[in-house]
PDB file of N, CA and C in Angstrom:
ATOM      1  N   MET A   1      74.072 -60.447  -2.421  1.00  0.00           N
ATOM      2  CA  MET A   1      73.185 -59.951  -1.389  1.00  0.00           C
ATOM      3  C   MET A   1      71.937 -59.395  -2.048  1.00  0.00           C
ATOM      4  N   ARG A   2      70.821 -59.622  -1.376  1.00  0.00           N
ATOM      5  CA  ARG A   2      69.548 -59.157  -1.909  1.00  0.00           C
ATOM      6  C   ARG A   2      68.750 -58.465  -0.811  1.00  0.00           C
ATOM      7  N   ALA A   3      67.744 -57.713  -1.265  1.00  0.00           N
ATOM      8  CA  ALA A   3      66.847 -57.032  -0.338  1.00  0.00           C
ATOM      9  C   ALA A   3      65.423 -57.197  -0.842  1.00  0.00           C
ATOM     10  N   VAL A   4      64.484 -57.074   0.085  1.00  0.00           N
ATOM     11  CA  VAL A   4      63.063 -57.131  -0.229  1.00  0.00           C
ATOM     12  C   VAL A   4      62.491 -55.743   0.022  1.00  0.00           C
ATOM     13  N   ILE A   5      61.805 -55.200  -0.986  1.00  0.00           N
ATOM     14  CA  ILE A   5      61.159 -53.899  -0.868  1.00  0.00           C
ATOM     15  C   ILE A   5      59.660 -54.126  -0.962  1.00  0.00           C
ATOM     16  N   THR A   6      58.922 -53.637   0.030  1.00  0.00           N
ATOM     17  CA  THR A   6      57.464 -53.727  -0.019  1.00  0.00           C
ATOM     18  C   THR A   6      56.879 -52.322  -0.111  1.00  0.00           C
ATOM     19  N   VAL A   7      55.828 -52.212  -0.901  1.00  0.00           N
ATOM     20  CA  VAL A   7      55.159 -50.927  -1.111  1.00  0.00           C
ATOM     21  C   VAL A   7      53.662 -51.153  -0.951  1.00  0.00           C
ATOM     22  N   ILE A   8      53.030 -50.345  -0.107  1.00  0.00           N
ATOM     23  CA  ILE A   8      51.586 -50.442   0.117  1.00  0.00           C
ATOM     24  C   ILE A   8      51.009 -49.033   0.154  1.00  0.00           C
ATOM     25  N   GLY A   9      49.872 -48.851  -0.493  1.00  0.00           N
ATOM     26  CA  GLY A   9      49.206 -47.552  -0.449  1.00  0.00           C
ATOM     27  C   GLY A   9      48.125 -47.443  -1.492  1.00  0.00           C
ATOM     28  N   LYS A  10      47.601 -46.256  -1.630  1.00  0.00           N
ATOM     29  CA  LYS A  10      46.563 -45.986  -2.611  1.00  0.00           C
ATOM     30  C   LYS A  10      47.172 -46.050  -4.008  1.00  0.00           C
ATOM     31  N   ASP A  11      46.483 -46.711  -4.924  1.00  0.00           N
ATOM     32  CA  ASP A  11      46.989 -46.878  -6.279  1.00  0.00           C
ATOM     33  C   ASP A  11      47.115 -45.537  -6.994  1.00  0.00           C
ATOM     34  N   ALA A  12      48.179 -45.398  -7.763  1.00  0.00           N
ATOM     35  CA  ALA A  12      48.411 -44.211  -8.582  1.00  0.00           C
ATOM     36  C   ALA A  12      49.315 -44.605  -9.745  1.00  0.00           C
ATOM     37  N   VAL A  13      49.302 -43.811 -10.776  1.00  0.00           N
ATOM     38  CA  VAL A  13      50.151 -44.059 -11.937  1.00  0.00           C
ATOM     39  C   VAL A  13      51.618 -43.842 -11.564  1.00  0.00           C
ATOM     40  N   GLY A  14      52.484 -44.778 -11.954  1.00  0.00           N
ATOM     41  CA  GLY A  14      53.920 -44.575 -11.845  1.00  0.00           C
ATOM     42  C   GLY A  14      54.592 -45.059 -10.586  1.00  0.00           C
ATOM     43  N   ILE A  15      53.893 -45.755  -9.708  1.00  0.00           N
ATOM     44  CA  ILE A  15      54.526 -46.208  -8.465  1.00  0.00           C
ATOM     45  C   ILE A  15      55.713 -47.133  -8.762  1.00  0.00           C
ATOM     46  N   LEU A  16      55.489 -48.128  -9.580  1.00  0.00           N
ATOM     47  CA  LEU A  16      56.565 -49.062  -9.930  1.00  0.00           C
ATOM     48  C   LEU A  16      57.726 -48.324 -10.574  1.00  0.00           C
ATOM     49  N   ALA A  17      57.445 -47.394 -11.459  1.00  0.00           N
ATOM     50  CA  ALA A  17      58.497 -46.630 -12.138  1.00  0.00           C
ATOM     51  C   ALA A  17      59.316 -45.802 -11.154  1.00  0.00           C
ATOM     52  N   LYS A  18      58.661 -45.161 -10.201  1.00  0.00           N
ATOM     53  CA  LYS A  18      59.371 -44.312  -9.237  1.00  0.00           C
ATOM     54  C   LYS A  18      60.269 -45.140  -8.332  1.00  0.00           C
ATOM     55  N   VAL A  19      59.763 -46.265  -7.851  1.00  0.00           N
ATOM     56  CA  VAL A  19      60.560 -47.121  -6.967  1.00  0.00           C
ATOM     57  C   VAL A  19      61.732 -47.731  -7.733  1.00  0.00           C
ATOM     58  N   SER A  20      61.481 -48.216  -8.940  1.00  0.00           N
ATOM     59  CA  SER A  20      62.562 -48.827  -9.708  1.00  0.00           C
ATOM     60  C   SER A  20      63.596 -47.788 -10.154  1.00  0.00           C
ATOM     61  N   THR A  21      63.182 -46.535 -10.343  1.00  0.00           N
ATOM     62  CA  THR A  21      64.132 -45.472 -10.677  1.00  0.00           C
ATOM     63  C   THR A  21      65.097 -45.230  -9.526  1.00  0.00           C
ATOM     64  N   VAL A  22      64.592 -45.187  -8.297  1.00  0.00           N
ATOM     65  CA  VAL A  22      65.467 -45.031  -7.129  1.00  0.00           C
ATOM     66  C   VAL A  22      66.452 -46.196  -7.067  1.00  0.00           C
ATOM     67  N   CYS A  23      65.957 -47.393  -7.293  1.00  0.00           N
ATOM     68  CA  CYS A  23      66.836 -48.566  -7.277  1.00  0.00           C
ATOM     69  C   CYS A  23      67.931 -48.432  -8.339  1.00  0.00           C
ATOM     70  N   ALA A  24      67.548 -48.056  -9.547  1.00  0.00           N
ATOM     71  CA  ALA A  24      68.518 -47.926 -10.639  1.00  0.00           C
ATOM     72  C   ALA A  24      69.562 -46.853 -10.337  1.00  0.00           C
ATOM     73  N   GLU A  25      69.125 -45.732  -9.776  1.00  0.00           N
ATOM     74  CA  GLU A  25      70.058 -44.648  -9.463  1.00  0.00           C
ATOM     75  C   GLU A  25      71.116 -45.080  -8.453  1.00  0.00           C
ATOM     76  N   ASP A  26      70.749 -45.988  -7.545  1.00  0.00           N
ATOM     77  CA  ASP A  26      71.690 -46.472  -6.531  1.00  0.00           C
ATOM     78  C   ASP A  26      72.320 -47.810  -6.905  1.00  0.00           C
ATOM     79  N   ASN A  27      72.063 -48.264  -8.146  1.00  0.00           N
ATOM     80  CA  ASN A  27      72.623 -49.497  -8.693  1.00  0.00           C
ATOM     81  C   ASN A  27      72.110 -50.759  -7.997  1.00  0.00           C
ATOM     82  N   ALA A  28      70.861 -50.736  -7.555  1.00  0.00           N
ATOM     83  CA  ALA A  28      70.201 -51.938  -7.035  1.00  0.00           C
ATOM     84  C   ALA A  28      69.421 -52.547  -8.205  1.00  0.00           C
ATOM     85  N   ASN A  29      69.768 -53.746  -8.578  1.00  0.00           N
ATOM     86  CA  ASN A  29      69.164 -54.392  -9.740  1.00  0.00           C
ATOM     87  C   ASN A  29      67.880 -55.124  -9.352  1.00  0.00           C
ATOM     88  N   VAL A  30      66.768 -54.768  -9.986  1.00  0.00           N
ATOM     89  CA  VAL A  30      65.491 -55.416  -9.715  1.00  0.00           C
ATOM     90  C   VAL A  30      65.520 -56.812 -10.336  1.00  0.00           C
ATOM     91  N   ILE A  31      65.318 -57.818  -9.498  1.00  0.00           N
ATOM     92  CA  ILE A  31      65.348 -59.211  -9.940  1.00  0.00           C
ATOM     93  C   ILE A  31      63.934 -59.717 -10.234  1.00  0.00           C
ATOM     94  N   GLU A  32      63.030 -59.396  -9.334  1.00  0.00           N
ATOM     95  CA  GLU A  32      61.661 -59.910  -9.470  1.00  0.00           C
ATOM     96  C   GLU A  32      60.691 -58.930  -8.838  1.00  0.00           C
ATOM     97  N   VAL A  33      59.500 -58.827  -9.445  1.00  0.00           N
ATOM     98  CA  VAL A  33      58.460 -57.928  -8.948  1.00  0.00           C
ATOM     99  C   VAL A  33      57.124 -58.647  -9.000  1.00  0.00           C
ATOM    100  N   THR A  34      56.352 -58.479  -7.947  1.00  0.00           N
ATOM    101  CA  THR A  34      54.959 -58.895  -7.976  1.00  0.00           C
ATOM    102  C   THR A  34      54.146 -57.739  -7.418  1.00  0.00           C
ATOM    103  N   GLN A  35      53.026 -57.468  -8.063  1.00  0.00           N
ATOM    104  CA  GLN A  35      52.181 -56.374  -7.602  1.00  0.00           C
ATOM    105  C   GLN A  35      50.725 -56.723  -7.819  1.00  0.00           C
ATOM    106  N   SER A  36      49.888 -56.101  -7.015  1.00  0.00           N
ATOM    107  CA  SER A  36      48.439 -56.287  -7.116  1.00  0.00           C
ATOM    108  C   SER A  36      47.754 -54.974  -6.823  1.00  0.00           C
ATOM    109  N   VAL A  37      46.630 -54.787  -7.453  1.00  0.00           N
ATOM    110  CA  VAL A  37      45.762 -53.666  -7.135  1.00  0.00           C
ATOM    111  C   VAL A  37      44.431 -54.270  -6.707  1.00  0.00           C
ATOM    112  N   LEU A  38      44.058 -54.015  -5.454  1.00  0.00           N
ATOM    113  CA  LEU A  38      42.806 -54.506  -4.901  1.00  0.00           C
ATOM    114  C   LEU A  38      41.903 -53.293  -4.703  1.00  0.00           C
ATOM    115  N   GLN A  39      40.928 -53.160  -5.587  1.00  0.00           N
ATOM    116  CA  GLN A  39      40.100 -51.961  -5.660  1.00  0.00           C
ATOM    117  C   GLN A  39      41.023 -50.767  -5.864  1.00  0.00           C
ATOM    118  N   ASP A  40      41.219 -49.898  -4.888  1.00  0.00           N
ATOM    119  CA  ASP A  40      42.120 -48.762  -5.087  1.00  0.00           C
ATOM    120  C   ASP A  40      43.406 -48.876  -4.260  1.00  0.00           C
ATOM    121  N   MET A  41      43.681 -50.068  -3.726  1.00  0.00           N
ATOM    122  CA  MET A  41      44.879 -50.282  -2.910  1.00  0.00           C
ATOM    123  C   MET A  41      45.960 -50.995  -3.728  1.00  0.00           C
ATOM    124  N   PHE A  42      47.160 -50.457  -3.667  1.00  0.00           N
ATOM    125  CA  PHE A  42      48.307 -50.988  -4.397  1.00  0.00           C
ATOM    126  C   PHE A  42      49.206 -51.742  -3.423  1.00  0.00           C
ATOM    127  N   ALA A  43      49.669 -52.914  -3.826  1.00  0.00           N
ATOM    128  CA  ALA A  43      50.612 -53.693  -3.022  1.00  0.00           C
ATOM    129  C   ALA A  43      51.676 -54.274  -3.954  1.00  0.00           C
ATOM    130  N   MET A  44      52.945 -54.116  -3.569  1.00  0.00           N
ATOM    131  CA  MET A  44      54.032 -54.607  -4.412  1.00  0.00           C
ATOM    132  C   MET A  44      55.153 -55.155  -3.534  1.00  0.00           C
ATOM    133  N   ILE A  45      55.764 -56.209  -4.016  1.00  0.00           N
ATOM    134  CA  ILE A  45      56.976 -56.757  -3.402  1.00  0.00           C
ATOM    135  C   ILE A  45      58.025 -56.852  -4.501  1.00  0.00           C
ATOM    136  N   MET A  46      59.196 -56.302  -4.209  1.00  0.00           N
ATOM    137  CA  MET A  46      60.313 -56.365  -5.152  1.00  0.00           C
ATOM    138  C   MET A  46      61.484 -57.091  -4.485  1.00  0.00           C
ATOM    139  N   LEU A  47      62.150 -57.917  -5.248  1.00  0.00           N
ATOM    140  CA  LEU A  47      63.395 -58.529  -4.815  1.00  0.00           C
ATOM    141  C   LEU A  47      64.496 -57.865  -5.627  1.00  0.00           C
ATOM    142  N   VAL A  48      65.488 -57.276  -4.947  1.00  0.00           N
ATOM    143  CA  VAL A  48      66.548 -56.550  -5.644  1.00  0.00           C
ATOM    144  C   VAL A  48      67.921 -57.052  -5.223  1.00  0.00           C
ATOM    145  N   ASP A  49      68.834 -57.069  -6.165  1.00  0.00           N
ATOM    146  CA  ASP A  49      70.227 -57.424  -5.907  1.00  0.00           C
ATOM    147  C   ASP A  49      70.930 -56.155  -5.435  1.00  0.00           C
ATOM    148  N   ILE A  50      71.494 -56.187  -4.230  1.00  0.00           N
ATOM    149  CA  ILE A  50      72.150 -55.012  -3.661  1.00  0.00           C
ATOM    150  C   ILE A  50      73.658 -55.201  -3.555  1.00  0.00           C
ATOM    151  N   SER A  51      74.198 -56.192  -4.244  1.00  0.00           N
ATOM    152  CA  SER A  51      75.627 -56.486  -4.116  1.00  0.00           C
ATOM    153  C   SER A  51      76.519 -55.406  -4.733  1.00  0.00           C
ATOM    154  N   ARG A  52      75.968 -54.562  -5.592  1.00  0.00           N
ATOM    155  CA  ARG A  52      76.776 -53.514  -6.239  1.00  0.00           C
ATOM    156  C   ARG A  52      76.221 -52.117  -5.968  1.00  0.00           C
ATOM    157  N   LEU A  53      75.618 -51.921  -4.807  1.00  0.00           N
ATOM    158  CA  LEU A  53      75.060 -50.613  -4.458  1.00  0.00           C
ATOM    159  C   LEU A  53      76.128 -49.526  -4.499  1.00  0.00           C
ATOM    160  N   LYS A  54      75.741 -48.347  -4.972  1.00  0.00           N
ATOM    161  CA  LYS A  54      76.637 -47.183  -4.970  1.00  0.00           C
ATOM    162  C   LYS A  54      76.617 -46.484  -3.613  1.00  0.00           C
ATOM    163  N   VAL A  55      75.584 -46.747  -2.818  1.00  0.00           N
ATOM    164  CA  VAL A  55      75.420 -46.143  -1.494  1.00  0.00           C
ATOM    165  C   VAL A  55      75.315 -47.275  -0.483  1.00  0.00           C
ATOM    166  N   ASP A  56      75.362 -46.953   0.807  1.00  0.00           N
ATOM    167  CA  ASP A  56      75.159 -48.033   1.769  1.00  0.00           C
ATOM    168  C   ASP A  56      73.669 -48.383   1.833  1.00  0.00           C
ATOM    169  N   PHE A  57      73.401 -49.552   2.361  1.00  0.00           N
ATOM    170  CA  PHE A  57      72.039 -50.078   2.377  1.00  0.00           C
ATOM    171  C   PHE A  57      71.068 -49.151   3.103  1.00  0.00           C
ATOM    172  N   ALA A  58      71.504 -48.581   4.217  1.00  0.00           N
ATOM    173  CA  ALA A  58      70.643 -47.674   4.992  1.00  0.00           C
ATOM    174  C   ALA A  58      70.241 -46.454   4.174  1.00  0.00           C
ATOM    175  N   ALA A  59      71.144 -45.961   3.340  1.00  0.00           N
ATOM    176  CA  ALA A  59      70.831 -44.800   2.497  1.00  0.00           C
ATOM    177  C   ALA A  59      69.755 -45.156   1.468  1.00  0.00           C
ATOM    178  N   LEU A  60      69.854 -46.331   0.874  1.00  0.00           N
ATOM    179  CA  LEU A  60      68.816 -46.781  -0.064  1.00  0.00           C
ATOM    180  C   LEU A  60      67.474 -46.883   0.642  1.00  0.00           C
ATOM    181  N   ALA A  61      67.461 -47.505   1.811  1.00  0.00           N
ATOM    182  CA  ALA A  61      66.222 -47.663   2.579  1.00  0.00           C
ATOM    183  C   ALA A  61      65.624 -46.301   2.941  1.00  0.00           C
ATOM    184  N   ASP A  62      66.470 -45.346   3.331  1.00  0.00           N
ATOM    185  CA  ASP A  62      65.989 -44.005   3.673  1.00  0.00           C
ATOM    186  C   ASP A  62      65.408 -43.290   2.465  1.00  0.00           C
ATOM    187  N   THR A  63      66.084 -43.386   1.337  1.00  0.00           N
ATOM    188  CA  THR A  63      65.597 -42.738   0.115  1.00  0.00           C
ATOM    189  C   THR A  63      64.233 -43.294  -0.286  1.00  0.00           C
ATOM    190  N   LEU A  64      64.086 -44.605  -0.209  1.00  0.00           N
ATOM    191  CA  LEU A  64      62.805 -45.218  -0.561  1.00  0.00           C
ATOM    192  C   LEU A  64      61.715 -44.848   0.439  1.00  0.00           C
ATOM    193  N   SER A  65      62.062 -44.795   1.710  1.00  0.00           N
ATOM    194  CA  SER A  65      61.090 -44.401   2.726  1.00  0.00           C
ATOM    195  C   SER A  65      60.614 -42.967   2.497  1.00  0.00           C
ATOM    196  N   LYS A  66      61.539 -42.075   2.177  1.00  0.00           N
ATOM    197  CA  LYS A  66      61.182 -40.680   1.890  1.00  0.00           C
ATOM    198  C   LYS A  66      60.304 -40.582   0.653  1.00  0.00           C
ATOM    199  N   LEU A  67      60.606 -41.381  -0.366  1.00  0.00           N
ATOM    200  CA  LEU A  67      59.752 -41.429  -1.554  1.00  0.00           C
ATOM    201  C   LEU A  67      58.337 -41.837  -1.156  1.00  0.00           C
ATOM    202  N   GLY A  68      58.245 -42.844  -0.305  1.00  0.00           N
ATOM    203  CA  GLY A  68      56.938 -43.283   0.172  1.00  0.00           C
ATOM    204  C   GLY A  68      56.195 -42.169   0.884  1.00  0.00           C
ATOM    205  N   ASP A  69      56.873 -41.442   1.752  1.00  0.00           N
ATOM    206  CA  ASP A  69      56.246 -40.322   2.463  1.00  0.00           C
ATOM    207  C   ASP A  69      55.727 -39.278   1.488  1.00  0.00           C
ATOM    208  N   GLU A  70      56.526 -38.961   0.468  1.00  0.00           N
ATOM    209  CA  GLU A  70      56.127 -37.961  -0.531  1.00  0.00           C
ATOM    210  C   GLU A  70      54.920 -38.412  -1.348  1.00  0.00           C
ATOM    211  N   GLN A  71      54.806 -39.714  -1.582  1.00  0.00           N
ATOM    212  CA  GLN A  71      53.754 -40.250  -2.444  1.00  0.00           C
ATOM    213  C   GLN A  71      52.556 -40.798  -1.670  1.00  0.00           C
ATOM    214  N   GLY A  72      52.598 -40.723  -0.354  1.00  0.00           N
ATOM    215  CA  GLY A  72      51.507 -41.260   0.451  1.00  0.00           C
ATOM    216  C   GLY A  72      51.506 -42.779   0.502  1.00  0.00           C
ATOM    217  N   LEU A  73      52.683 -43.370   0.436  1.00  0.00           N
ATOM    218  CA  LEU A  73      52.843 -44.821   0.441  1.00  0.00           C
ATOM    219  C   LEU A  73      53.684 -45.241   1.638  1.00  0.00           C
ATOM    220  N   LYS A  74      53.589 -46.496   1.984  1.00  0.00           N
ATOM    221  CA  LYS A  74      54.472 -47.086   2.990  1.00  0.00           C
ATOM    222  C   LYS A  74      55.458 -47.970   2.234  1.00  0.00           C
ATOM    223  N   ILE A  75      56.742 -47.580   2.249  1.00  0.00           N
ATOM    224  CA  ILE A  75      57.776 -48.358   1.564  1.00  0.00           C
ATOM    225  C   ILE A  75      58.778 -48.838   2.610  1.00  0.00           C
ATOM    226  N   LEU A  76      58.906 -50.146   2.709  1.00  0.00           N
ATOM    227  CA  LEU A  76      59.854 -50.771   3.642  1.00  0.00           C
ATOM    228  C   LEU A  76      60.908 -51.527   2.842  1.00  0.00           C
ATOM    229  N   THR A  77      62.164 -51.362   3.232  1.00  0.00           N
ATOM    230  CA  THR A  77      63.267 -52.055   2.579  1.00  0.00           C
ATOM    231  C   THR A  77      63.979 -52.887   3.633  1.00  0.00           C
ATOM    232  N   MET A  78      64.070 -54.177   3.374  1.00  0.00           N
ATOM    233  CA  MET A  78      64.618 -55.094   4.359  1.00  0.00           C
ATOM    234  C   MET A  78      65.677 -55.985   3.708  1.00  0.00           C
ATOM    235  N   HIS A  79      66.813 -56.095   4.359  1.00  0.00           N
ATOM    236  CA  HIS A  79      67.855 -57.002   3.872  1.00  0.00           C
ATOM    237  C   HIS A  79      67.290 -58.416   3.877  1.00  0.00           C
ATOM    238  N   GLU A  80      67.636 -59.190   2.877  1.00  0.00           N
ATOM    239  CA  GLU A  80      67.108 -60.551   2.745  1.00  0.00           C
ATOM    240  C   GLU A  80      67.383 -61.400   3.989  1.00  0.00           C
ATOM    241  N   ASP A  81      68.538 -61.237   4.618  1.00  0.00           N
ATOM    242  CA  ASP A  81      68.866 -62.020   5.813  1.00  0.00           C
ATOM    243  C   ASP A  81      67.864 -61.751   6.938  1.00  0.00           C
ATOM    244  N   ILE A  82      67.513 -60.488   7.131  1.00  0.00           N
ATOM    245  CA  ILE A  82      66.527 -60.120   8.160  1.00  0.00           C
ATOM    246  C   ILE A  82      65.160 -60.687   7.789  1.00  0.00           C
ATOM    247  N   PHE A  83      64.791 -60.536   6.524  1.00  0.00           N
ATOM    248  CA  PHE A  83      63.507 -61.060   6.044  1.00  0.00           C
ATOM    249  C   PHE A  83      63.407 -62.551   6.316  1.00  0.00           C
ATOM    250  N   ASN A  84      64.437 -63.291   5.936  1.00  0.00           N
ATOM    251  CA  ASN A  84      64.427 -64.753   6.135  1.00  0.00           C
ATOM    252  C   ASN A  84      64.381 -65.124   7.606  1.00  0.00           C
ATOM    253  N   THR A  85      65.127 -64.410   8.444  1.00  0.00           N
ATOM    254  CA  THR A  85      65.126 -64.688   9.886  1.00  0.00           C
ATOM    255  C   THR A  85      63.759 -64.436  10.491  1.00  0.00           C
ATOM    256  N   MET A  86      63.121 -63.356  10.095  1.00  0.00           N
ATOM    257  CA  MET A  86      61.785 -63.029  10.626  1.00  0.00           C
ATOM    258  C   MET A  86      60.767 -64.113  10.273  1.00  0.00           C
ATOM    259  N   HIS A  87      60.925 -64.737   9.127  1.00  0.00           N
ATOM    260  CA  HIS A  87      59.928 -65.704   8.693  1.00  0.00           C
ATOM    261  C   HIS A  87      60.265 -67.143   9.053  1.00  0.00           C
ATOM    262  N   ARG A  88      61.323 -67.337   9.812  1.00  0.00           N
ATOM    263  CA  ARG A  88      61.635 -68.656  10.343  1.00  0.00           C
ATOM    264  C   ARG A  88      60.972 -68.886  11.695  1.00  0.00           C
ATOM    265  N   ILE A  89      60.625 -67.810  12.344  1.00  0.00           N
ATOM    266  CA  ILE A  89      60.064 -67.898  13.694  1.00  0.00           C
ATOM    267  C   ILE A  89      58.654 -68.407  13.653  1.00  0.00           C
TER     268      ILE A  89
END
């Protein structure tokens, strides 16, 4: 099982490190990352393996969302099945 994490907001040092630290703490393995900085705007998409999570998926999504709130970012975590279904329409 995999999930897609998107991060959007004002660029700052350590965004990738903070998000990947949360993933590591909950045993979500980062498979692939793409990121861009457009002027001062940061955008990132991460694909993570969630098959061995230590917490339930909703808890991971909540933790990442709270991190986003603290850092002034929008962080969305979506199960791969939902992501794929949304993009078939």
